[in-house]
PDB file of N, CA and C in Angstrom:
ATOM      1  N   MET A   1      39.787  34.252  -0.268  1.00  0.00           N
ATOM      2  CA  MET A   1      38.523  35.301  -1.200  1.00  0.00           C
ATOM      3  C   MET A   1      38.658  35.166  -2.455  1.00  0.00           C
ATOM      4  N   MET A   2      39.843  34.631  -2.996  1.00  0.00           N
ATOM      5  CA  MET A   2      39.584  34.862  -4.195  1.00  0.00           C
ATOM      6  C   MET A   2      39.447  33.106  -4.702  1.00  0.00           C
ATOM      7  N   LEU A   3      38.931  32.478  -3.686  1.00  0.00           N
ATOM      8  CA  LEU A   3      37.950  30.969  -4.103  1.00  0.00           C
ATOM      9  C   LEU A   3      36.403  31.299  -4.149  1.00  0.00           C
ATOM     10  N   ASN A   4      35.907  32.104  -2.958  1.00  0.00           N
ATOM     11  CA  ASN A   4      34.674  33.158  -3.182  1.00  0.00           C
ATOM     12  C   ASN A   4      35.125  33.616  -4.320  1.00  0.00           C
ATOM     13  N   MET A   5      35.131  34.122  -5.203  1.00  0.00           N
ATOM     14  CA  MET A   5      34.681  34.831  -6.630  1.00  0.00           C
ATOM     15  C   MET A   5      35.393  33.572  -7.702  1.00  0.00           C
ATOM     16  N   LEU A   6      34.917  32.497  -7.568  1.00  0.00           N
ATOM     17  CA  LEU A   6      35.732  31.844  -8.775  1.00  0.00           C
ATOM     18  C   LEU A   6      34.155  31.208  -9.519  1.00  0.00           C
ATOM     19  N   LEU A   7      33.259  31.618  -9.501  1.00  0.00           N
ATOM     20  CA  LEU A   7      31.796  31.545 -10.396  1.00  0.00           C
ATOM     21  C   LEU A   7      31.542  32.560 -10.728  1.00  0.00           C
ATOM     22  N   GLU A   8      32.037  33.382  -9.643  1.00  0.00           N
ATOM     23  CA  GLU A   8      31.038  35.006  -9.927  1.00  0.00           C
ATOM     24  C   GLU A   8      30.968  35.918 -11.371  1.00  0.00           C
ATOM     25  N   THR A   9      30.170  35.360 -11.532  1.00  0.00           N
ATOM     26  CA  THR A   9      30.199  37.167 -12.659  1.00  0.00           C
ATOM     27  C   THR A   9      29.580  38.816 -12.133  1.00  0.00           C
ATOM     28  N   THR A  10      30.177  39.531 -12.722  1.00  0.00           N
ATOM     29  CA  THR A  10      29.389  40.596 -11.835  1.00  0.00           C
ATOM     30  C   THR A  10      29.290  41.825 -13.652  1.00  0.00           C
ATOM     31  N   VAL A  11      28.416  41.476 -13.505  1.00  0.00           N
ATOM     32  CA  VAL A  11      27.520  43.201 -14.754  1.00  0.00           C
ATOM     33  C   VAL A  11      27.756  44.504 -14.371  1.00  0.00           C
ATOM     34  N   THR A  12      27.515  45.528 -14.708  1.00  0.00           N
ATOM     35  CA  THR A  12      27.840  46.395 -13.857  1.00  0.00           C
ATOM     36  C   THR A  12      26.269  46.967 -15.353  1.00  0.00           C
ATOM     37  N   ILE A  13      25.599  47.672 -14.525  1.00  0.00           N
ATOM     38  CA  ILE A  13      23.856  48.216 -14.691  1.00  0.00           C
ATOM     39  C   ILE A  13      24.056  49.336 -13.755  1.00  0.00           C
ATOM     40  N   GLY A  14      24.067  50.635 -14.517  1.00  0.00           N
ATOM     41  CA  GLY A  14      23.692  51.805 -13.981  1.00  0.00           C
ATOM     42  C   GLY A  14      24.533  52.046 -12.555  1.00  0.00           C
ATOM     43  N   GLY A  15      25.513  52.017 -12.747  1.00  0.00           N
ATOM     44  CA  GLY A  15      27.079  51.901 -11.494  1.00  0.00           C
ATOM     45  C   GLY A  15      26.732  51.184 -10.582  1.00  0.00           C
ATOM     46  N   GLU A  16      25.702  49.945 -11.075  1.00  0.00           N
ATOM     47  CA  GLU A  16      25.862  49.414  -9.952  1.00  0.00           C
ATOM     48  C   GLU A  16      27.124  47.941 -10.119  1.00  0.00           C
ATOM     49  N   ASN A  17      27.431  47.058  -9.652  1.00  0.00           N
ATOM     50  CA  ASN A  17      28.119  45.730  -9.978  1.00  0.00           C
ATOM     51  C   ASN A  17      26.896  45.223  -9.165  1.00  0.00           C
ATOM     52  N   VAL A  18      25.938  44.164 -10.482  1.00  0.00           N
ATOM     53  CA  VAL A  18      24.818  42.728  -9.981  1.00  0.00           C
ATOM     54  C   VAL A  18      26.079  41.476 -10.797  1.00  0.00           C
ATOM     55  N   THR A  19      25.490  40.762  -9.341  1.00  0.00           N
ATOM     56  CA  THR A  19      25.696  39.413 -10.116  1.00  0.00           C
ATOM     57  C   THR A  19      25.451  38.725 -10.600  1.00  0.00           C
ATOM     58  N   TYR A  20      25.910  37.526 -11.701  1.00  0.00           N
ATOM     59  CA  TYR A  20      24.657  36.978 -13.147  1.00  0.00           C
ATOM     60  C   TYR A  20      24.961  35.393 -12.416  1.00  0.00           C
ATOM     61  N   LEU A  21      24.134  34.970 -12.753  1.00  0.00           N
ATOM     62  CA  LEU A  21      24.246  33.950 -12.618  1.00  0.00           C
ATOM     63  C   LEU A  21      24.181  33.252 -13.593  1.00  0.00           C
ATOM     64  N   ASP A  22      24.255  31.984 -14.943  1.00  0.00           N
ATOM     65  CA  ASP A  22      23.751  31.793 -16.077  1.00  0.00           C
ATOM     66  C   ASP A  22      23.366  30.215 -15.457  1.00  0.00           C
ATOM     67  N   ILE A  23      23.011  29.775 -16.621  1.00  0.00           N
ATOM     68  CA  ILE A  23      21.651  28.251 -16.075  1.00  0.00           C
ATOM     69  C   ILE A  23      23.018  27.134 -15.628  1.00  0.00           C
ATOM     70  N   PRO A  24      24.049  27.173 -15.868  1.00  0.00           N
ATOM     71  CA  PRO A  24      24.764  26.374 -14.849  1.00  0.00           C
ATOM     72  C   PRO A  24      25.224  26.565 -14.080  1.00  0.00           C
ATOM     73  N   GLU A  25      25.596  27.254 -13.106  1.00  0.00           N
ATOM     74  CA  GLU A  25      25.866  28.148 -12.378  1.00  0.00           C
ATOM     75  C   GLU A  25      24.710  27.911 -11.173  1.00  0.00           C
ATOM     76  N   ALA A  26      23.804  28.248 -11.709  1.00  0.00           N
ATOM     77  CA  ALA A  26      22.307  27.760 -11.020  1.00  0.00           C
ATOM     78  C   ALA A  26      21.784  26.826 -10.339  1.00  0.00           C
ATOM     79  N   LEU A  27      22.090  25.676 -11.868  1.00  0.00           N
ATOM     80  CA  LEU A  27      21.793  24.909 -11.085  1.00  0.00           C
ATOM     81  C   LEU A  27      22.448  23.484 -10.847  1.00  0.00           C
ATOM     82  N   LEU A  28      23.785  24.518 -10.107  1.00  0.00           N
ATOM     83  CA  LEU A  28      24.702  23.874  -9.109  1.00  0.00           C
ATOM     84  C   LEU A  28      24.247  24.731  -7.970  1.00  0.00           C
ATOM     85  N   TYR A  29      24.071  25.575  -7.592  1.00  0.00           N
ATOM     86  CA  TYR A  29      23.477  26.202  -6.278  1.00  0.00           C
ATOM     87  C   TYR A  29      22.574  24.768  -6.504  1.00  0.00           C
ATOM     88  N   ALA A  30      21.341  25.002  -6.353  1.00  0.00           N
ATOM     89  CA  ALA A  30      20.134  24.164  -7.172  1.00  0.00           C
ATOM     90  C   ALA A  30      20.391  23.321  -6.384  1.00  0.00           C
ATOM     91  N   LEU A  31      21.147  22.140  -7.295  1.00  0.00           N
ATOM     92  CA  LEU A  31      21.335  20.594  -6.559  1.00  0.00           C
ATOM     93  C   LEU A  31      22.237  20.634  -5.196  1.00  0.00           C
ATOM     94  N   LEU A  32      22.897  21.728  -5.131  1.00  0.00           N
ATOM     95  CA  LEU A  32      23.947  21.620  -3.519  1.00  0.00           C
ATOM     96  C   LEU A  32      22.566  22.288  -2.223  1.00  0.00           C
ATOM     97  N   GLY A  33      21.768  22.907  -2.542  1.00  0.00           N
ATOM     98  CA  GLY A  33      20.739  23.260  -2.029  1.00  0.00           C
ATOM     99  C   GLY A  33      19.767  21.840  -1.894  1.00  0.00           C
ATOM    100  N   PHE A  34      19.365  20.946  -3.103  1.00  0.00           N
ATOM    101  CA  PHE A  34      18.533  20.328  -2.287  1.00  0.00           C
ATOM    102  C   PHE A  34      19.289  18.926  -2.000  1.00  0.00           C
ATOM    103  N   ALA A  35      20.614  18.639  -1.884  1.00  0.00           N
ATOM    104  CA  ALA A  35      21.699  18.145  -1.260  1.00  0.00           C
ATOM    105  C   ALA A  35      21.827  17.422   0.136  1.00  0.00           C
ATOM    106  N   ILE A  36      21.707  19.257   0.371  1.00  0.00           N
ATOM    107  CA  ILE A  36      21.860  19.612   2.007  1.00  0.00           C
ATOM    108  C   ILE A  36      20.705  19.650   2.357  1.00  0.00           C
ATOM    109  N   THR A  37      19.620  19.975   1.914  1.00  0.00           N
ATOM    110  CA  THR A  37      17.960  18.943   2.473  1.00  0.00           C
ATOM    111  C   THR A  37      18.110  17.968   2.450  1.00  0.00           C
ATOM    112  N   PHE A  38      18.171  16.993   1.617  1.00  0.00           N
ATOM    113  CA  PHE A  38      17.797  16.163   1.268  1.00  0.00           C
ATOM    114  C   PHE A  38      19.189  15.527   2.747  1.00  0.00           C
ATOM    115  N   VAL A  39      20.267  16.004   2.758  1.00  0.00           N
ATOM    116  CA  VAL A  39      20.872  15.532   4.069  1.00  0.00           C
ATOM    117  C   VAL A  39      20.578  15.225   5.099  1.00  0.00           C
ATOM    118  N   GLY A  40      20.128  17.277   5.392  1.00  0.00           N
ATOM    119  CA  GLY A  40      20.005  17.279   7.193  1.00  0.00           C
ATOM    120  C   GLY A  40      17.645  16.837   7.176  1.00  0.00           C
ATOM    121  N   ILE A  41      17.450  16.327   6.302  1.00  0.00           N
ATOM    122  CA  ILE A  41      16.310  14.835   6.960  1.00  0.00           C
ATOM    123  C   ILE A  41      16.620  14.248   6.975  1.00  0.00           C
ATOM    124  N   VAL A  42      17.351  13.384   5.888  1.00  0.00           N
ATOM    125  CA  VAL A  42      18.062  11.895   6.532  1.00  0.00           C
ATOM    126  C   VAL A  42      18.377  11.944   8.202  1.00  0.00           C
ATOM    127  N   VAL A  43      19.224  12.822   8.637  1.00  0.00           N
ATOM    128  CA  VAL A  43      19.845  13.314   9.676  1.00  0.00           C
ATOM    129  C   VAL A  43      18.413  13.016  10.366  1.00  0.00           C
ATOM    130  N   LEU A  44      17.669  13.893  10.364  1.00  0.00           N
ATOM    131  CA  LEU A  44      16.423  13.661  11.489  1.00  0.00           C
ATOM    132  C   LEU A  44      16.315  12.517  11.434  1.00  0.00           C
ATOM    133  N   ILE A  45      15.588  11.749  10.526  1.00  0.00           N
ATOM    134  CA  ILE A  45      15.016  11.240  10.368  1.00  0.00           C
ATOM    135  C   ILE A  45      15.886  10.147  11.275  1.00  0.00           C
ATOM    136  N   PHE A  46      16.893  10.148  10.959  1.00  0.00           N
ATOM    137  CA  PHE A  46      18.056   8.693  12.100  1.00  0.00           C
ATOM    138  C   PHE A  46      18.228   9.861  13.637  1.00  0.00           C
ATOM    139  N   LEU A  47      17.849  10.316  13.859  1.00  0.00           N
ATOM    140  CA  LEU A  47      17.599  10.609  14.733  1.00  0.00           C
ATOM    141  C   LEU A  47      16.881  11.074  15.684  1.00  0.00           C
ATOM    142  N   LEU A  48      15.774  10.662  15.204  1.00  0.00           N
ATOM    143  CA  LEU A  48      13.932   9.989  15.706  1.00  0.00           C
ATOM    144  C   LEU A  48      14.106   9.029  15.756  1.00  0.00           C
ATOM    145  N   TRP A  49      14.902   7.767  15.016  1.00  0.00           N
ATOM    146  CA  TRP A  49      15.267   6.314  14.787  1.00  0.00           C
ATOM    147  C   TRP A  49      15.718   6.336  16.220  1.00  0.00           C
ATOM    148  N   CYS A  50      16.522   6.278  16.267  1.00  0.00           N
ATOM    149  CA  CYS A  50      17.540   6.079  17.420  1.00  0.00           C
ATOM    150  C   CYS A  50      16.684   6.561  19.065  1.00  0.00           C
ATOM    151  N   ILE A  51      15.864   7.453  18.998  1.00  0.00           N
ATOM    152  CA  ILE A  51      15.456   8.189  19.746  1.00  0.00           C
ATOM    153  C   ILE A  51      14.485   7.382  20.100  1.00  0.00           C
ATOM    154  N   GLY A  52      13.283   7.029  19.468  1.00  0.00           N
ATOM    155  CA  GLY A  52      12.230   6.034  19.256  1.00  0.00           C
ATOM    156  C   GLY A  52      13.183   4.501  20.043  1.00  0.00           C
ATOM    157  N   LYS A  53      13.941   4.280  20.169  1.00  0.00           N
ATOM    158  CA  LYS A  53      15.056   2.750  19.973  1.00  0.00           C
ATOM    159  C   LYS A  53      15.691   2.856  21.390  1.00  0.00           C
ATOM    160  N   VAL A  54      15.887   4.534  21.939  1.00  0.00           N
ATOM    161  CA  VAL A  54      16.231   4.505  22.824  1.00  0.00           C
ATOM    162  C   VAL A  54      14.726   4.338  24.055  1.00  0.00           C
ATOM    163  N   MET A  55      13.660   5.055  24.272  1.00  0.00           N
ATOM    164  CA  MET A  55      12.679   4.710  24.058  1.00  0.00           C
ATOM    165  C   MET A  55      11.598   3.427  24.652  1.00  0.00           C
ATOM    166  N   ALA A  56      12.004   2.869  23.395  1.00  0.00           N
ATOM    167  CA  ALA A  56      11.539   1.541  23.588  1.00  0.00           C
ATOM    168  C   ALA A  56      12.196   0.524  24.120  1.00  0.00           C
ATOM    169  N   ALA A  57      13.953   0.857  24.753  1.00  0.00           N
ATOM    170  CA  ALA A  57      14.891   0.216  25.036  1.00  0.00           C
ATOM    171  C   ALA A  57      13.939   0.594  27.116  1.00  0.00           C
ATOM    172  N   PHE A  58      13.829   1.662  27.392  1.00  0.00           N
ATOM    173  CA  PHE A  58      13.101   2.046  28.673  1.00  0.00           C
ATOM    174  C   PHE A  58      12.048   2.000  29.173  1.00  0.00           C
ATOM    175  N   ARG A  59      11.697   1.495  27.955  1.00  0.00           N
ATOM    176  CA  ARG A  59      10.173   1.376  28.293  1.00  0.00           C
ATOM    177  C   ARG A  59      10.303  -0.758  28.339  1.00  0.00           C
ATOM    178  N   SER A  60      11.043  -1.200  27.914  1.00  0.00           N
ATOM    179  CA  SER A  60      10.983  -2.362  27.836  1.00  0.00           C
ATOM    180  C   SER A  60      11.323  -3.038  29.462  1.00  0.00           C
ATOM    181  N   LYS A  61      12.392  -2.327  29.058  1.00  0.00           N
ATOM    182  CA  LYS A  61      13.087  -2.878  30.795  1.00  0.00           C
ATOM    183  C   LYS A  61      12.508  -2.116  31.542  1.00  0.00           C
ATOM    184  N   SER A  62      11.490  -1.346  31.889  1.00  0.00           N
ATOM    185  CA  SER A  62      10.559  -0.801  33.227  1.00  0.00           C
ATOM    186  C   SER A  62       9.186  -1.502  33.626  1.00  0.00           C
ATOM    187  N   SER A  63       8.912  -2.327  31.871  1.00  0.00           N
ATOM    188  CA  SER A  63       7.409  -3.364  31.660  1.00  0.00           C
ATOM    189  C   SER A  63       8.110  -4.609  32.661  1.00  0.00           C
ATOM    190  N   ARG A  64       9.964  -4.712  32.460  1.00  0.00           N
ATOM    191  CA  ARG A  64       9.734  -6.238  32.991  1.00  0.00           C
ATOM    192  C   ARG A  64       9.979  -5.947  34.142  1.00  0.00           C
ATOM    193  N   LYS A  65      10.480  -5.029  34.839  1.00  0.00           N
ATOM    194  CA  LYS A  65      10.881  -4.397  36.570  1.00  0.00           C
ATOM    195  C   LYS A  65       8.838  -4.539  36.889  1.00  0.00           C
ATOM    196  N   GLN A  66       7.816  -4.343  36.272  1.00  0.00           N
ATOM    197  CA  GLN A  66       6.253  -4.082  36.320  1.00  0.00           C
ATOM    198  C   GLN A  66       6.553  -5.372  37.054  1.00  0.00           C
ATOM    199  N   LYS A  67       6.300  -6.492  35.457  1.00  0.00           N
ATOM    200  CA  LYS A  67       5.898  -7.876  35.653  1.00  0.00           C
ATOM    201  C   LYS A  67       6.741  -7.873  37.473  1.00  0.00           C
ATOM    202  N   GLN A  68       7.643  -8.115  37.218  1.00  0.00           N
ATOM    203  CA  GLN A  68       8.875  -9.327  38.440  1.00  0.00           C
ATOM    204  C   GLN A  68       7.431  -8.779  39.003  1.00  0.00           C
ATOM    205  N   THR A  69       7.738  -7.659  39.845  1.00  0.00           N
ATOM    206  CA  THR A  69       6.874  -7.092  41.339  1.00  0.00           C
ATOM    207  C   THR A  69       5.364  -7.174  41.700  1.00  0.00           C
ATOM    208  N   GLU A  70       4.499  -7.648  40.357  1.00  0.00           N
ATOM    209  CA  GLU A  70       3.320  -7.477  40.443  1.00  0.00           C
ATOM    210  C   GLU A  70       3.016  -8.789  40.060  1.00  0.00           C
ATOM    211  N   GLN A  71       1.885  -9.293  41.509  1.00  0.00           N
ATOM    212  CA  GLN A  71       1.824 -10.578  41.017  1.00  0.00           C
ATOM    213  C   GLN A  71       0.587 -11.298  40.427  1.00  0.00           C
ATOM    214  N   PRO A  72       0.634 -12.175  39.871  1.00  0.00           N
ATOM    215  CA  PRO A  72      -0.256 -12.022  38.876  1.00  0.00           C
ATOM    216  C   PRO A  72      -2.019 -12.608  39.209  1.00  0.00           C
ATOM    217  N   GLU A  73      -2.614 -12.149  38.900  1.00  0.00           N
ATOM    218  CA  GLU A  73      -4.291 -11.581  39.465  1.00  0.00           C
ATOM    219  C   GLU A  73      -4.882 -12.697  39.071  1.00  0.00           C
ATOM    220  N   VAL A  74      -5.879 -13.236  40.237  1.00  0.00           N
ATOM    221  CA  VAL A  74      -5.954 -14.989  40.310  1.00  0.00           C
ATOM    222  C   VAL A  74      -8.065 -14.447  39.730  1.00  0.00           C
ATOM    223  N   LEU A  75      -8.051 -15.329  38.606  1.00  0.00           N
ATOM    224  CA  LEU A  75      -9.802 -14.968  38.829  1.00  0.00           C
ATOM    225  C   LEU A  75     -10.797 -15.537  38.959  1.00  0.00           C
ATOM    226  N   PRO A  76     -11.864 -16.054  39.329  1.00  0.00           N
ATOM    227  CA  PRO A  76     -12.341 -17.426  40.139  1.00  0.00           C
ATOM    228  C   PRO A  76     -12.718 -18.074  38.954  1.00  0.00           C
ATOM    229  N   SER A  77     -12.972 -19.156  38.834  1.00  0.00           N
ATOM    230  CA  SER A  77     -13.777 -20.098  38.161  1.00  0.00           C
ATOM    231  C   SER A  77     -14.790 -20.319  37.678  1.00  0.00           C
ATOM    232  N   GLU A  78     -15.218 -21.119  36.818  1.00  0.00           N
ATOM    233  CA  GLU A  78     -17.462 -20.657  37.205  1.00  0.00           C
ATOM    234  C   GLU A  78     -17.561 -21.356  37.901  1.00  0.00           C
ATOM    235  N   GLU A  79     -17.091 -22.777  38.882  1.00  0.00           N
ATOM    236  CA  GLU A  79     -17.331 -23.413  39.846  1.00  0.00           C
ATOM    237  C   GLU A  79     -17.067 -22.914  41.125  1.00  0.00           C
ATOM    238  N   ASP A  80     -15.917 -21.516  41.288  1.00  0.00           N
ATOM    239  CA  ASP A  80     -16.630 -20.541  42.629  1.00  0.00           C
ATOM    240  C   ASP A  80     -17.220 -19.485  42.553  1.00  0.00           C
ATOM    241  N   VAL A  81     -18.086 -19.414  40.859  1.00  0.00           N
ATOM    242  CA  VAL A  81     -18.923 -18.231  41.666  1.00  0.00           C
ATOM    243  C   VAL A  81     -20.526 -19.081  42.190  1.00  0.00           C
ATOM    244  N   SER A  82     -21.099 -18.311  43.252  1.00  0.00           N
ATOM    245  CA  SER A  82     -21.946 -18.779  43.896  1.00  0.00           C
ATOM    246  C   SER A  82     -23.355 -19.077  42.325  1.00  0.00           C
ATOM    247  N   PRO A  83     -24.265 -19.763  43.227  1.00  0.00           N
ATOM    248  CA  PRO A  83     -25.221 -19.450  42.628  1.00  0.00           C
ATOM    249  C   PRO A  83     -26.067 -17.704  42.986  1.00  0.00           C
ATOM    250  N   GLN A  84     -26.280 -17.700  43.452  1.00  0.00           N
ATOM    251  CA  GLN A  84     -26.897 -16.616  44.286  1.00  0.00           C
ATOM    252  C   GLN A  84     -26.070 -15.577  43.002  1.00  0.00           C
ATOM    253  N   VAL A  85     -24.430 -15.705  43.196  1.00  0.00           N
ATOM    254  CA  VAL A  85     -23.586 -14.267  42.130  1.00  0.00           C
ATOM    255  C   VAL A  85     -25.068 -14.436  40.371  1.00  0.00           C
ATOM    256  N   LYS A  86     -24.635 -16.147  40.269  1.00  0.00           N
ATOM    257  CA  LYS A  86     -24.949 -15.779  38.763  1.00  0.00           C
ATOM    258  C   LYS A  86     -26.650 -15.060  38.598  1.00  0.00           C
ATOM    259  N   ALA A  87     -27.081 -15.518  39.639  1.00  0.00           N
ATOM    260  CA  ALA A  87     -29.242 -15.100  39.474  1.00  0.00           C
ATOM    261  C   ALA A  87     -28.793 -14.068  39.794  1.00  0.00           C
ATOM    262  N   ALA A  88     -27.755 -12.907  39.939  1.00  0.00           N
ATOM    263  CA  ALA A  88     -27.872 -11.200  40.428  1.00  0.00           C
ATOM    264  C   ALA A  88     -27.638 -10.432  38.901  1.00  0.00           C
ATOM    265  N   ILE A  89     -26.500 -11.768  38.079  1.00  0.00           N
ATOM    266  CA  ILE A  89     -26.273 -10.972  37.045  1.00  0.00           C
ATOM    267  C   ILE A  89     -27.071 -11.156  35.630  1.00  0.00           C
ATOM    268  N   VAL A  90     -27.936 -12.643  36.264  1.00  0.00           N
ATOM    269  CA  VAL A  90     -29.303 -12.161  35.385  1.00  0.00           C
ATOM    270  C   VAL A  90     -29.574 -12.322  35.083  1.00  0.00           C
ATOM    271  N   ALA A  91     -30.369 -11.331  36.708  1.00  0.00           N
ATOM    272  CA  ALA A  91     -31.355 -10.595  37.056  1.00  0.00           C
ATOM    273  C   ALA A  91     -30.638  -8.894  36.576  1.00  0.00           C
ATOM    274  N   ALA A  92     -29.360  -8.356  36.656  1.00  0.00           N
ATOM    275  CA  ALA A  92     -29.208  -7.257  36.647  1.00  0.00           C
ATOM    276  C   ALA A  92     -29.459  -6.671  35.094  1.00  0.00           C
ATOM    277  N   ILE A  93     -29.168  -7.993  33.687  1.00  0.00           N
ATOM    278  CA  ILE A  93     -29.313  -7.693  32.784  1.00  0.00           C
ATOM    279  C   ILE A  93     -30.410  -7.612  32.386  1.00  0.00           C
ATOM    280  N   ALA A  94     -31.784  -8.866  33.298  1.00  0.00           N
ATOM    281  CA  ALA A  94     -32.557  -8.599  32.631  1.00  0.00           C
ATOM    282  C   ALA A  94     -33.588  -7.148  32.527  1.00  0.00           C
ATOM    283  N   ALA A  95     -32.737  -6.609  33.618  1.00  0.00           N
ATOM    284  CA  ALA A  95     -33.073  -5.700  33.995  1.00  0.00           C
ATOM    285  C   ALA A  95     -33.366  -4.274  33.537  1.00  0.00           C
ATOM    286  N   TYR A  96     -31.831  -4.256  32.698  1.00  0.00           N
ATOM    287  CA  TYR A  96     -31.394  -3.097  31.398  1.00  0.00           C
ATOM    288  C   TYR A  96     -32.430  -3.734  30.463  1.00  0.00           C
ATOM    289  N   TYR A  97     -32.362  -5.090  30.242  1.00  0.00           N
ATOM    290  CA  TYR A  97     -33.172  -4.838  29.017  1.00  0.00           C
ATOM    291  C   TYR A  97     -34.673  -4.564  29.250  1.00  0.00           C
ATOM    292  N   ALA A  98     -35.015  -5.224  30.176  1.00  0.00           N
ATOM    293  CA  ALA A  98     -36.397  -4.162  30.335  1.00  0.00           C
ATOM    294  C   ALA A  98     -36.509  -2.638  30.693  1.00  0.00           C
ATOM    295  N   GLY A  99     -35.523  -2.133  30.764  1.00  0.00           N
ATOM    296  CA  GLY A  99     -35.597  -0.857  30.766  1.00  0.00           C
ATOM    297  C   GLY A  99     -35.763  -0.233  30.211  1.00  0.00           C
ATOM    298  N   GLU A 100     -34.942  -0.845  28.996  1.00  0.00           N
ATOM    299  CA  GLU A 100     -34.727  -0.041  26.981  1.00  0.00           C
ATOM    300  C   GLU A 100     -36.454  -0.458  26.455  1.00  0.00           C
ATOM    301  N   ASN A 101     -37.479  -0.919  27.083  1.00  0.00           N
ATOM    302  CA  ASN A 101     -38.492  -1.547  26.595  1.00  0.00           C
ATOM    303  C   ASN A 101     -38.879  -1.416  25.485  1.00  0.00           C
ATOM    304  N   THR A 102     -37.811  -2.506  24.593  1.00  0.00           N
ATOM    305  CA  THR A 102     -38.370  -3.844  23.423  1.00  0.00           C
ATOM    306  C   THR A 102     -38.728  -4.823  24.177  1.00  0.00           C
ATOM    307  N   GLU A 103     -38.931  -5.313  23.517  1.00  0.00           N
ATOM    308  CA  GLU A 103     -39.139  -6.972  23.646  1.00  0.00           C
ATOM    309  C   GLU A 103     -38.104  -7.633  23.651  1.00  0.00           C
ATOM    310  N   CYS A 104     -37.949  -8.108  25.430  1.00  0.00           N
ATOM    311  CA  CYS A 104     -36.983  -8.880  25.123  1.00  0.00           C
ATOM    312  C   CYS A 104     -36.009 -10.264  24.541  1.00  0.00           C
ATOM    313  N   GLU A 105     -35.157 -10.975  23.849  1.00  0.00           N
ATOM    314  CA  GLU A 105     -35.007 -11.859  23.773  1.00  0.00           C
ATOM    315  C   GLU A 105     -34.156 -13.245  24.265  1.00  0.00           C
ATOM    316  N   PHE A 106     -33.228 -12.090  25.359  1.00  0.00           N
ATOM    317  CA  PHE A 106     -32.169 -12.329  26.079  1.00  0.00           C
ATOM    318  C   PHE A 106     -32.627 -14.165  27.189  1.00  0.00           C
ATOM    319  N   LYS A 107     -31.622 -14.795  26.406  1.00  0.00           N
ATOM    320  CA  LYS A 107     -31.983 -15.633  27.347  1.00  0.00           C
ATOM    321  C   LYS A 107     -30.853 -16.603  28.186  1.00  0.00           C
ATOM    322  N   VAL A 108     -30.619 -16.186  29.404  1.00  0.00           N
ATOM    323  CA  VAL A 108     -29.654 -17.297  29.998  1.00  0.00           C
ATOM    324  C   VAL A 108     -29.274 -18.640  30.079  1.00  0.00           C
ATOM    325  N   ARG A 109     -29.154 -19.774  29.637  1.00  0.00           N
ATOM    326  CA  ARG A 109     -29.253 -20.824  29.378  1.00  0.00           C
ATOM    327  C   ARG A 109     -28.235 -21.345  30.412  1.00  0.00           C
ATOM    328  N   ARG A 110     -26.520 -20.423  30.212  1.00  0.00           N
ATOM    329  CA  ARG A 110     -25.871 -21.165  31.053  1.00  0.00           C
ATOM    330  C   ARG A 110     -24.923 -20.699  31.537  1.00  0.00           C
ATOM    331  N   ILE A 111     -23.682 -20.265  31.937  1.00  0.00           N
ATOM    332  CA  ILE A 111     -22.550 -18.617  32.384  1.00  0.00           C
ATOM    333  C   ILE A 111     -21.320 -19.742  31.601  1.00  0.00           C
ATOM    334  N   ARG A 112     -20.826 -20.056  31.890  1.00  0.00           N
ATOM    335  CA  ARG A 112     -19.131 -20.547  31.931  1.00  0.00           C
ATOM    336  C   ARG A 112     -18.260 -19.899  31.415  1.00  0.00           C
ATOM    337  N   ARG A 113     -17.236 -19.919  31.726  1.00  0.00           N
ATOM    338  CA  ARG A 113     -15.486 -18.530  31.126  1.00  0.00           C
ATOM    339  C   ARG A 113     -15.244 -19.089  29.812  1.00  0.00           C
ATOM    340  N   LEU A 114     -15.133 -18.277  29.460  1.00  0.00           N
ATOM    341  CA  LEU A 114     -14.178 -18.249  28.077  1.00  0.00           C
ATOM    342  C   LEU A 114     -13.196 -18.437  28.122  1.00  0.00           C
TER     343      LEU A 114
END
């Protein structure tokens, strides 16, 4: 109880005790408040960083499991696509541009896989 009263200075105004803070004491309280706030923000940032690392570890572990179970998708090569399918693709693109009512400067010279 005595330690609580070390920095306290009271002034009696109108029969009531009013606590008086001088400039060094107010500065001490302000700096203490800034320090506590700064430490709190640092702790929150650290907690969020840790949660992000844990989530990334779980995500990478689940993606590794998913990659192991999935079969790679085999896409057809240019030789596997028949000429009828190529003609259908060209016709669909030409029909799309014809519906636009613009000059069709689009010409398909060859279809190849990139």
